[in-house]
Amino acid sequence: MKVLFVNAFPVTAEQIEKINRLDYEVCLWNEEGAHMFDADVVVSGGGFLQKHLEQFTQLKLIQLVSAGFDNVPLREIQARDIVLTNARGVYSVP
């Protein structure tokens, strides 16, 4: 299963290694990333999804890096039966 992280936040080599040990292939987005459109999971913000969602051919899950759903193409995501999760509580004070 391929997981794509999109410029949302820095991902360390240690974090990538931990995810890889779970049998996930980790990819980091760049503008030449057409080969990444076969990702199963995308971790990103809504703006990226508005621009690129239709290009993902086998997307199963989207993890937003925000608590809100601004700029997220909800109708298309729902029509394609893609699971959408947000970062609920990300701005909460512990």
PDB file of N, CA and C in Angstrom:
ATOM      1  N   MET A   1       0.856  -1.173   0.000  1.00  0.00           N
ATOM      2  CA  MET A   1       0.000   0.000   0.000  1.00  0.00           C
ATOM      3  C   MET A   1       0.902   1.236   0.000  1.00  0.00           C
ATOM      4  N   LYS A   2       0.565   2.205  -0.823  1.00  0.00           N
ATOM      5  CA  LYS A   2       1.383   3.403  -0.969  1.00  0.00           C
ATOM      6  C   LYS A   2       0.720   4.587  -0.245  1.00  0.00           C
ATOM      7  N   VAL A   3       1.506   5.269   0.604  1.00  0.00           N
ATOM      8  CA  VAL A   3       1.047   6.444   1.345  1.00  0.00           C
ATOM      9  C   VAL A   3       1.807   7.657   0.825  1.00  0.00           C
ATOM     10  N   LEU A   4       1.077   8.682   0.438  1.00  0.00           N
ATOM     11  CA  LEU A   4       1.674   9.902  -0.096  1.00  0.00           C
ATOM     12  C   LEU A   4       1.501  11.041   0.898  1.00  0.00           C
ATOM     13  N   PHE A   5       2.600  11.639   1.320  1.00  0.00           N
ATOM     14  CA  PHE A   5       2.581  12.819   2.177  1.00  0.00           C
ATOM     15  C   PHE A   5       2.804  14.038   1.283  1.00  0.00           C
ATOM     16  N   VAL A   6       1.909  15.011   1.395  1.00  0.00           N
ATOM     17  CA  VAL A   6       1.948  16.187   0.523  1.00  0.00           C
ATOM     18  C   VAL A   6       2.312  17.426   1.319  1.00  0.00           C
ATOM     19  N   ASN A   7       3.540  17.887   1.209  1.00  0.00           N
ATOM     20  CA  ASN A   7       3.995  19.177   1.738  1.00  0.00           C
ATOM     21  C   ASN A   7       3.250  19.660   2.974  1.00  0.00           C
ATOM     22  N   ALA A   8       2.637  18.780   3.692  1.00  0.00           N
ATOM     23  CA  ALA A   8       1.808  19.195   4.816  1.00  0.00           C
ATOM     24  C   ALA A   8       2.655  19.564   6.025  1.00  0.00           C
ATOM     25  N   PHE A   9       3.669  18.810   6.243  1.00  0.00           N
ATOM     26  CA  PHE A   9       4.540  19.008   7.383  1.00  0.00           C
ATOM     27  C   PHE A   9       5.788  18.188   7.119  1.00  0.00           C
ATOM     28  N   PRO A  10       6.878  18.488   7.797  1.00  0.00           N
ATOM     29  CA  PRO A  10       8.088  17.691   7.567  1.00  0.00           C
ATOM     30  C   PRO A  10       7.924  16.277   8.115  1.00  0.00           C
ATOM     31  N   VAL A  11       8.332  15.314   7.336  1.00  0.00           N
ATOM     32  CA  VAL A  11       8.311  13.917   7.756  1.00  0.00           C
ATOM     33  C   VAL A  11       9.764  13.483   7.901  1.00  0.00           C
ATOM     34  N   THR A  12      10.115  12.994   9.068  1.00  0.00           N
ATOM     35  CA  THR A  12      11.506  12.631   9.324  1.00  0.00           C
ATOM     36  C   THR A  12      11.820  11.243   8.761  1.00  0.00           C
ATOM     37  N   ALA A  13      13.102  10.973   8.583  1.00  0.00           N
ATOM     38  CA  ALA A  13      13.541   9.659   8.120  1.00  0.00           C
ATOM     39  C   ALA A  13      13.106   8.574   9.105  1.00  0.00           C
ATOM     40  N   GLU A  14      13.148   8.876  10.393  1.00  0.00           N
ATOM     41  CA  GLU A  14      12.719   7.917  11.408  1.00  0.00           C
ATOM     42  C   GLU A  14      11.229   7.589  11.269  1.00  0.00           C
ATOM     43  N   GLN A  15      10.407   8.606  11.020  1.00  0.00           N
ATOM     44  CA  GLN A  15       8.969   8.375  10.841  1.00  0.00           C
ATOM     45  C   GLN A  15       8.703   7.537   9.591  1.00  0.00           C
ATOM     46  N   ILE A  16       9.418   7.839   8.518  1.00  0.00           N
ATOM     47  CA  ILE A  16       9.254   7.069   7.285  1.00  0.00           C
ATOM     48  C   ILE A  16       9.638   5.611   7.513  1.00  0.00           C
ATOM     49  N   GLU A  17      10.728   5.388   8.223  1.00  0.00           N
ATOM     50  CA  GLU A  17      11.164   4.022   8.517  1.00  0.00           C
ATOM     51  C   GLU A  17      10.108   3.260   9.320  1.00  0.00           C
ATOM     52  N   LYS A  18       9.504   3.907  10.303  1.00  0.00           N
ATOM     53  CA  LYS A  18       8.463   3.263  11.111  1.00  0.00           C
ATOM     54  C   LYS A  18       7.256   2.886  10.260  1.00  0.00           C
ATOM     55  N   ILE A  19       6.866   3.771   9.362  1.00  0.00           N
ATOM     56  CA  ILE A  19       5.724   3.493   8.483  1.00  0.00           C
ATOM     57  C   ILE A  19       6.072   2.371   7.510  1.00  0.00           C
ATOM     58  N   ASN A  20       7.289   2.387   6.981  1.00  0.00           N
ATOM     59  CA  ASN A  20       7.723   1.329   6.067  1.00  0.00           C
ATOM     60  C   ASN A  20       7.700  -0.046   6.745  1.00  0.00           C
ATOM     61  N   ARG A  21       8.026  -0.099   8.023  1.00  0.00           N
ATOM     62  CA  ARG A  21       8.014  -1.370   8.755  1.00  0.00           C
ATOM     63  C   ARG A  21       6.606  -1.949   8.876  1.00  0.00           C
ATOM     64  N   LEU A  22       5.597  -1.128   8.655  1.00  0.00           N
ATOM     65  CA  LEU A  22       4.206  -1.594   8.674  1.00  0.00           C
ATOM     66  C   LEU A  22       3.758  -2.053   7.284  1.00  0.00           C
ATOM     67  N   ASP A  23       4.713  -2.214   6.376  1.00  0.00           N
ATOM     68  CA  ASP A  23       4.468  -2.637   4.988  1.00  0.00           C
ATOM     69  C   ASP A  23       3.753  -1.584   4.150  1.00  0.00           C
ATOM     70  N   TYR A  24       4.012  -0.330   4.439  1.00  0.00           N
ATOM     71  CA  TYR A  24       3.530   0.766   3.605  1.00  0.00           C
ATOM     72  C   TYR A  24       4.716   1.358   2.854  1.00  0.00           C
ATOM     73  N   GLU A  25       4.493   1.712   1.615  1.00  0.00           N
ATOM     74  CA  GLU A  25       5.494   2.434   0.839  1.00  0.00           C
ATOM     75  C   GLU A  25       5.219   3.925   1.016  1.00  0.00           C
ATOM     76  N   VAL A  26       6.193   4.676   1.502  1.00  0.00           N
ATOM     77  CA  VAL A  26       6.016   6.103   1.760  1.00  0.00           C
ATOM     78  C   VAL A  26       6.576   6.904   0.590  1.00  0.00           C
ATOM     79  N   CYS A  27       5.769   7.859   0.118  1.00  0.00           N
ATOM     80  CA  CYS A  27       6.197   8.781  -0.938  1.00  0.00           C
ATOM     81  C   CYS A  27       6.001  10.203  -0.441  1.00  0.00           C
ATOM     82  N   LEU A  28       6.901  11.075  -0.846  1.00  0.00           N
ATOM     83  CA  LEU A  28       6.784  12.494  -0.529  1.00  0.00           C
ATOM     84  C   LEU A  28       6.516  13.229  -1.828  1.00  0.00           C
ATOM     85  N   TRP A  29       5.502  14.072  -1.840  1.00  0.00           N
ATOM     86  CA  TRP A  29       5.070  14.768  -3.053  1.00  0.00           C
ATOM     87  C   TRP A  29       6.109  15.755  -3.553  1.00  0.00           C
ATOM     88  N   ASN A  30       6.233  15.813  -4.856  1.00  0.00           N
ATOM     89  CA  ASN A  30       6.940  16.890  -5.527  1.00  0.00           C
ATOM     90  C   ASN A  30       6.201  17.153  -6.834  1.00  0.00           C
ATOM     91  N   GLU A  31       6.459  18.261  -7.465  1.00  0.00           N
ATOM     92  CA  GLU A  31       5.689  18.647  -8.653  1.00  0.00           C
ATOM     93  C   GLU A  31       5.866  17.687  -9.827  1.00  0.00           C
ATOM     94  N   GLU A  32       6.923  16.884  -9.839  1.00  0.00           N
ATOM     95  CA  GLU A  32       7.103  15.896 -10.893  1.00  0.00           C
ATOM     96  C   GLU A  32       6.487  14.563 -10.471  1.00  0.00           C
ATOM     97  N   GLY A  33       5.552  14.587  -9.548  1.00  0.00           N
ATOM     98  CA  GLY A  33       5.045  13.383  -8.901  1.00  0.00           C
ATOM     99  C   GLY A  33       3.934  12.646  -9.610  1.00  0.00           C
ATOM    100  N   ALA A  34       3.881  12.675 -10.927  1.00  0.00           N
ATOM    101  CA  ALA A  34       2.804  11.983 -11.638  1.00  0.00           C
ATOM    102  C   ALA A  34       2.771  10.491 -11.307  1.00  0.00           C
ATOM    103  N   HIS A  35       3.929   9.899 -11.045  1.00  0.00           N
ATOM    104  CA  HIS A  35       3.979   8.477 -10.706  1.00  0.00           C
ATOM    105  C   HIS A  35       3.370   8.191  -9.336  1.00  0.00           C
ATOM    106  N   MET A  36       3.038   9.221  -8.593  1.00  0.00           N
ATOM    107  CA  MET A  36       2.481   9.056  -7.250  1.00  0.00           C
ATOM    108  C   MET A  36       0.958   8.993  -7.254  1.00  0.00           C
ATOM    109  N   PHE A  37       0.340   9.145  -8.411  1.00  0.00           N
ATOM    110  CA  PHE A  37      -1.116   9.160  -8.468  1.00  0.00           C
ATOM    111  C   PHE A  37      -1.738   7.776  -8.267  1.00  0.00           C
ATOM    112  N   ASP A  38      -0.901   6.759  -8.049  1.00  0.00           N
ATOM    113  CA  ASP A  38      -1.428   5.437  -7.728  1.00  0.00           C
ATOM    114  C   ASP A  38      -1.419   5.176  -6.218  1.00  0.00           C
ATOM    115  N   ALA A  39      -1.289   6.231  -5.423  1.00  0.00           N
ATOM    116  CA  ALA A  39      -1.279   6.088  -3.965  1.00  0.00           C
ATOM    117  C   ALA A  39      -2.641   5.605  -3.463  1.00  0.00           C
ATOM    118  N   ASP A  40      -2.598   4.825  -2.398  1.00  0.00           N
ATOM    119  CA  ASP A  40      -3.814   4.339  -1.747  1.00  0.00           C
ATOM    120  C   ASP A  40      -4.278   5.296  -0.657  1.00  0.00           C
ATOM    121  N   VAL A  41      -3.318   5.998  -0.050  1.00  0.00           N
ATOM    122  CA  VAL A  41      -3.583   6.919   1.050  1.00  0.00           C
ATOM    123  C   VAL A  41      -2.877   8.235   0.757  1.00  0.00           C
ATOM    124  N   VAL A  42      -3.570   9.358   1.013  1.00  0.00           N
ATOM    125  CA  VAL A  42      -2.970  10.683   0.862  1.00  0.00           C
ATOM    126  C   VAL A  42      -3.119  11.436   2.172  1.00  0.00           C
ATOM    127  N   VAL A  43      -2.021  12.034   2.637  1.00  0.00           N
ATOM    128  CA  VAL A  43      -2.019  12.900   3.816  1.00  0.00           C
ATOM    129  C   VAL A  43      -1.742  14.301   3.289  1.00  0.00           C
ATOM    130  N   SER A  44      -2.753  15.183   3.366  1.00  0.00           N
ATOM    131  CA  SER A  44      -2.596  16.507   2.747  1.00  0.00           C
ATOM    132  C   SER A  44      -3.641  17.484   3.257  1.00  0.00           C
ATOM    133  N   GLY A  45      -3.608  18.662   2.674  1.00  0.00           N
ATOM    134  CA  GLY A  45      -4.615  19.673   2.922  1.00  0.00           C
ATOM    135  C   GLY A  45      -5.632  19.692   1.789  1.00  0.00           C
ATOM    136  N   GLY A  46      -6.703  20.438   1.987  1.00  0.00           N
ATOM    137  CA  GLY A  46      -7.789  20.470   1.019  1.00  0.00           C
ATOM    138  C   GLY A  46      -7.438  21.087  -0.318  1.00  0.00           C
ATOM    139  N   GLY A  47      -6.583  22.096  -0.331  1.00  0.00           N
ATOM    140  CA  GLY A  47      -6.217  22.749  -1.583  1.00  0.00           C
ATOM    141  C   GLY A  47      -5.580  21.797  -2.577  1.00  0.00           C
ATOM    142  N   PHE A  48      -4.705  20.931  -2.104  1.00  0.00           N
ATOM    143  CA  PHE A  48      -4.075  19.928  -2.959  1.00  0.00           C
ATOM    144  C   PHE A  48      -5.135  19.006  -3.550  1.00  0.00           C
ATOM    145  N   LEU A  49      -6.089  18.596  -2.732  1.00  0.00           N
ATOM    146  CA  LEU A  49      -7.124  17.678  -3.190  1.00  0.00           C
ATOM    147  C   LEU A  49      -8.003  18.309  -4.256  1.00  0.00           C
ATOM    148  N   GLN A  50      -8.334  19.583  -4.105  1.00  0.00           N
ATOM    149  CA  GLN A  50      -9.139  20.265  -5.119  1.00  0.00           C
ATOM    150  C   GLN A  50      -8.455  20.213  -6.475  1.00  0.00           C
ATOM    151  N   LYS A  51      -7.164  20.343  -6.472  1.00  0.00           N
ATOM    152  CA  LYS A  51      -6.394  20.411  -7.713  1.00  0.00           C
ATOM    153  C   LYS A  51      -6.122  19.030  -8.316  1.00  0.00           C
ATOM    154  N   HIS A  52      -5.932  18.006  -7.487  1.00  0.00           N
ATOM    155  CA  HIS A  52      -5.415  16.730  -7.989  1.00  0.00           C
ATOM    156  C   HIS A  52      -6.283  15.495  -7.743  1.00  0.00           C
ATOM    157  N   LEU A  53      -7.376  15.589  -7.015  1.00  0.00           N
ATOM    158  CA  LEU A  53      -8.118  14.391  -6.618  1.00  0.00           C
ATOM    159  C   LEU A  53      -8.479  13.486  -7.791  1.00  0.00           C
ATOM    160  N   GLU A  54      -8.938  14.045  -8.877  1.00  0.00           N
ATOM    161  CA  GLU A  54      -9.403  13.219 -10.005  1.00  0.00           C
ATOM    162  C   GLU A  54      -8.280  12.380 -10.622  1.00  0.00           C
ATOM    163  N   GLN A  55      -7.035  12.747 -10.376  1.00  0.00           N
ATOM    164  CA  GLN A  55      -5.910  12.012 -10.954  1.00  0.00           C
ATOM    165  C   GLN A  55      -5.555  10.746 -10.177  1.00  0.00           C
ATOM    166  N   PHE A  56      -6.024  10.628  -8.949  1.00  0.00           N
ATOM    167  CA  PHE A  56      -5.736   9.446  -8.141  1.00  0.00           C
ATOM    168  C   PHE A  56      -6.675   8.314  -8.549  1.00  0.00           C
ATOM    169  N   THR A  57      -6.106   7.208  -8.983  1.00  0.00           N
ATOM    170  CA  THR A  57      -6.894   6.124  -9.556  1.00  0.00           C
ATOM    171  C   THR A  57      -7.324   5.068  -8.549  1.00  0.00           C
ATOM    172  N   GLN A  58      -6.626   4.945  -7.426  1.00  0.00           N
ATOM    173  CA  GLN A  58      -6.975   3.885  -6.470  1.00  0.00           C
ATOM    174  C   GLN A  58      -6.984   4.378  -5.030  1.00  0.00           C
ATOM    175  N   LEU A  59      -7.329   5.617  -4.843  1.00  0.00           N
ATOM    176  CA  LEU A  59      -7.323   6.222  -3.516  1.00  0.00           C
ATOM    177  C   LEU A  59      -8.402   5.607  -2.634  1.00  0.00           C
ATOM    178  N   LYS A  60      -8.001   5.220  -1.421  1.00  0.00           N
ATOM    179  CA  LYS A  60      -8.922   4.603  -0.471  1.00  0.00           C
ATOM    180  C   LYS A  60      -9.159   5.464   0.765  1.00  0.00           C
ATOM    181  N   LEU A  61      -8.148   6.272   1.140  1.00  0.00           N
ATOM    182  CA  LEU A  61      -8.244   7.048   2.372  1.00  0.00           C
ATOM    183  C   LEU A  61      -7.514   8.368   2.221  1.00  0.00           C
ATOM    184  N   ILE A  62      -8.118   9.419   2.759  1.00  0.00           N
ATOM    185  CA  ILE A  62      -7.493  10.739   2.814  1.00  0.00           C
ATOM    186  C   ILE A  62      -7.433  11.154   4.275  1.00  0.00           C
ATOM    187  N   GLN A  63      -6.245  11.513   4.737  1.00  0.00           N
ATOM    188  CA  GLN A  63      -6.065  12.078   6.077  1.00  0.00           C
ATOM    189  C   GLN A  63      -5.742  13.552   5.896  1.00  0.00           C
ATOM    190  N   LEU A  64      -6.670  14.415   6.312  1.00  0.00           N
ATOM    191  CA  LEU A  64      -6.412  15.853   6.254  1.00  0.00           C
ATOM    192  C   LEU A  64      -5.465  16.254   7.378  1.00  0.00           C
ATOM    193  N   VAL A  65      -4.686  17.279   7.135  1.00  0.00           N
ATOM    194  CA  VAL A  65      -3.779  17.789   8.167  1.00  0.00           C
ATOM    195  C   VAL A  65      -4.419  18.949   8.917  1.00  0.00           C
ATOM    196  N   SER A  66      -5.672  19.202   8.641  1.00  0.00           N
ATOM    197  CA  SER A  66      -6.405  20.286   9.291  1.00  0.00           C
ATOM    198  C   SER A  66      -7.628  19.721   9.997  1.00  0.00           C
ATOM    199  N   ALA A  67      -8.177  20.523  10.896  1.00  0.00           N
ATOM    200  CA  ALA A  67      -9.400  20.120  11.584  1.00  0.00           C
ATOM    201  C   ALA A  67     -10.621  20.373  10.709  1.00  0.00           C
ATOM    202  N   GLY A  68     -10.539  21.397   9.857  1.00  0.00           N
ATOM    203  CA  GLY A  68     -11.672  21.766   9.010  1.00  0.00           C
ATOM    204  C   GLY A  68     -11.646  21.087   7.654  1.00  0.00           C
ATOM    205  N   PHE A  69     -12.740  21.280   6.928  1.00  0.00           N
ATOM    206  CA  PHE A  69     -12.886  20.680   5.604  1.00  0.00           C
ATOM    207  C   PHE A  69     -12.908  21.731   4.504  1.00  0.00           C
ATOM    208  N   ASP A  70     -12.329  22.907   4.780  1.00  0.00           N
ATOM    209  CA  ASP A  70     -12.297  23.963   3.774  1.00  0.00           C
ATOM    210  C   ASP A  70     -11.536  23.475   2.540  1.00  0.00           C
ATOM    211  N   ASN A  71     -12.039  23.825   1.382  1.00  0.00           N
ATOM    212  CA  ASN A  71     -11.404  23.503   0.098  1.00  0.00           C
ATOM    213  C   ASN A  71     -11.310  22.008  -0.183  1.00  0.00           C
ATOM    214  N   VAL A  72     -12.086  21.203   0.488  1.00  0.00           N
ATOM    215  CA  VAL A  72     -12.066  19.757   0.261  1.00  0.00           C
ATOM    216  C   VAL A  72     -13.246  19.405  -0.652  1.00  0.00           C
ATOM    217  N   PRO A  73     -12.994  18.699  -1.759  1.00  0.00           N
ATOM    218  CA  PRO A  73     -14.077  18.340  -2.690  1.00  0.00           C
ATOM    219  C   PRO A  73     -14.912  17.169  -2.139  1.00  0.00           C
ATOM    220  N   LEU A  74     -15.762  17.470  -1.184  1.00  0.00           N
ATOM    221  CA  LEU A  74     -16.502  16.448  -0.450  1.00  0.00           C
ATOM    222  C   LEU A  74     -17.397  15.582  -1.342  1.00  0.00           C
ATOM    223  N   ARG A  75     -18.074  16.179  -2.307  1.00  0.00           N
ATOM    224  CA  ARG A  75     -18.988  15.400  -3.161  1.00  0.00           C
ATOM    225  C   ARG A  75     -18.245  14.337  -3.960  1.00  0.00           C
ATOM    226  N   GLU A  76     -17.116  14.710  -4.530  1.00  0.00           N
ATOM    227  CA  GLU A  76     -16.343  13.745  -5.317  1.00  0.00           C
ATOM    228  C   GLU A  76     -15.783  12.639  -4.421  1.00  0.00           C
ATOM    229  N   ILE A  77     -15.326  13.004  -3.244  1.00  0.00           N
ATOM    230  CA  ILE A  77     -14.787  12.018  -2.311  1.00  0.00           C
ATOM    231  C   ILE A  77     -15.877  11.025  -1.913  1.00  0.00           C
ATOM    232  N   GLN A  78     -17.053  11.543  -1.609  1.00  0.00           N
ATOM    233  CA  GLN A  78     -18.171  10.677  -1.227  1.00  0.00           C
ATOM    234  C   GLN A  78     -18.604   9.800  -2.404  1.00  0.00           C
ATOM    235  N   ALA A  79     -18.671  10.357  -3.592  1.00  0.00           N
ATOM    236  CA  ALA A  79     -19.089   9.594  -4.767  1.00  0.00           C
ATOM    237  C   ALA A  79     -18.130   8.446  -5.076  1.00  0.00           C
ATOM    238  N   ARG A  80     -16.876   8.613  -4.728  1.00  0.00           N
ATOM    239  CA  ARG A  80     -15.870   7.574  -4.990  1.00  0.00           C
ATOM    240  C   ARG A  80     -15.651   6.646  -3.795  1.00  0.00           C
ATOM    241  N   ASP A  81     -16.455   6.797  -2.754  1.00  0.00           N
ATOM    242  CA  ASP A  81     -16.345   5.963  -1.546  1.00  0.00           C
ATOM    243  C   ASP A  81     -14.956   5.985  -0.926  1.00  0.00           C
ATOM    244  N   ILE A  82     -14.348   7.159  -0.902  1.00  0.00           N
ATOM    245  CA  ILE A  82     -13.038   7.329  -0.267  1.00  0.00           C
ATOM    246  C   ILE A  82     -13.275   7.734   1.180  1.00  0.00           C
ATOM    247  N   VAL A  83     -12.583   7.101   2.096  1.00  0.00           N
ATOM    248  CA  VAL A  83     -12.684   7.443   3.516  1.00  0.00           C
ATOM    249  C   VAL A  83     -11.925   8.747   3.738  1.00  0.00           C
ATOM    250  N   LEU A  84     -12.566   9.695   4.430  1.00  0.00           N
ATOM    251  CA  LEU A  84     -11.972  11.003   4.695  1.00  0.00           C
ATOM    252  C   LEU A  84     -11.926  11.225   6.200  1.00  0.00           C
ATOM    253  N   THR A  85     -10.725  11.511   6.711  1.00  0.00           N
ATOM    254  CA  THR A  85     -10.566  11.818   8.131  1.00  0.00           C
ATOM    255  C   THR A  85      -9.869  13.167   8.261  1.00  0.00           C
ATOM    256  N   ASN A  86     -10.166  13.845   9.364  1.00  0.00           N
ATOM    257  CA  ASN A  86      -9.515  15.140   9.600  1.00  0.00           C
ATOM    258  C   ASN A  86      -8.658  15.057  10.858  1.00  0.00           C
ATOM    259  N   ALA A  87      -8.014  16.143  11.163  1.00  0.00           N
ATOM    260  CA  ALA A  87      -7.139  16.210  12.338  1.00  0.00           C
ATOM    261  C   ALA A  87      -7.892  16.850  13.498  1.00  0.00           C
ATOM    262  N   ARG A  88      -9.028  16.305  13.806  1.00  0.00           N
ATOM    263  CA  ARG A  88      -9.880  16.819  14.891  1.00  0.00           C
ATOM    264  C   ARG A  88      -9.048  16.977  16.164  1.00  0.00           C
ATOM    265  N   GLY A  89      -9.166  18.134  16.768  1.00  0.00           N
ATOM    266  CA  GLY A  89      -8.467  18.399  18.021  1.00  0.00           C
ATOM    267  C   GLY A  89      -7.042  18.897  17.854  1.00  0.00           C
ATOM    268  N   VAL A  90      -6.610  19.085  16.609  1.00  0.00           N
ATOM    269  CA  VAL A  90      -5.236  19.485  16.365  1.00  0.00           C
ATOM    270  C   VAL A  90      -4.895  20.821  17.034  1.00  0.00           C
ATOM    271  N   TYR A  91      -5.880  21.672  17.218  1.00  0.00           N
ATOM    272  CA  TYR A  91      -5.629  22.978  17.832  1.00  0.00           C
ATOM    273  C   TYR A  91      -6.021  23.014  19.309  1.00  0.00           C
ATOM    274  N   SER A  92      -6.361  21.867  19.873  1.00  0.00           N
ATOM    275  CA  SER A  92      -6.777  21.803  21.273  1.00  0.00           C
ATOM    276  C   SER A  92      -5.557  22.004  22.186  1.00  0.00           C
ATOM    277  N   VAL A  93      -5.833  22.599  23.309  1.00  0.00           N
ATOM    278  CA  VAL A  93      -4.797  22.764  24.321  1.00  0.00           C
ATOM    279  C   VAL A  93      -4.873  21.552  25.243  1.00  0.00           C
ATOM    280  N   PRO A  94      -3.758  20.855  25.431  1.00  0.00           N
ATOM    281  CA  PRO A  94      -3.783  19.642  26.272  1.00  0.00           C
ATOM    282  C   PRO A  94      -4.086  19.952  27.727  1.00  0.00           C
TER     283      PRO A  94
END
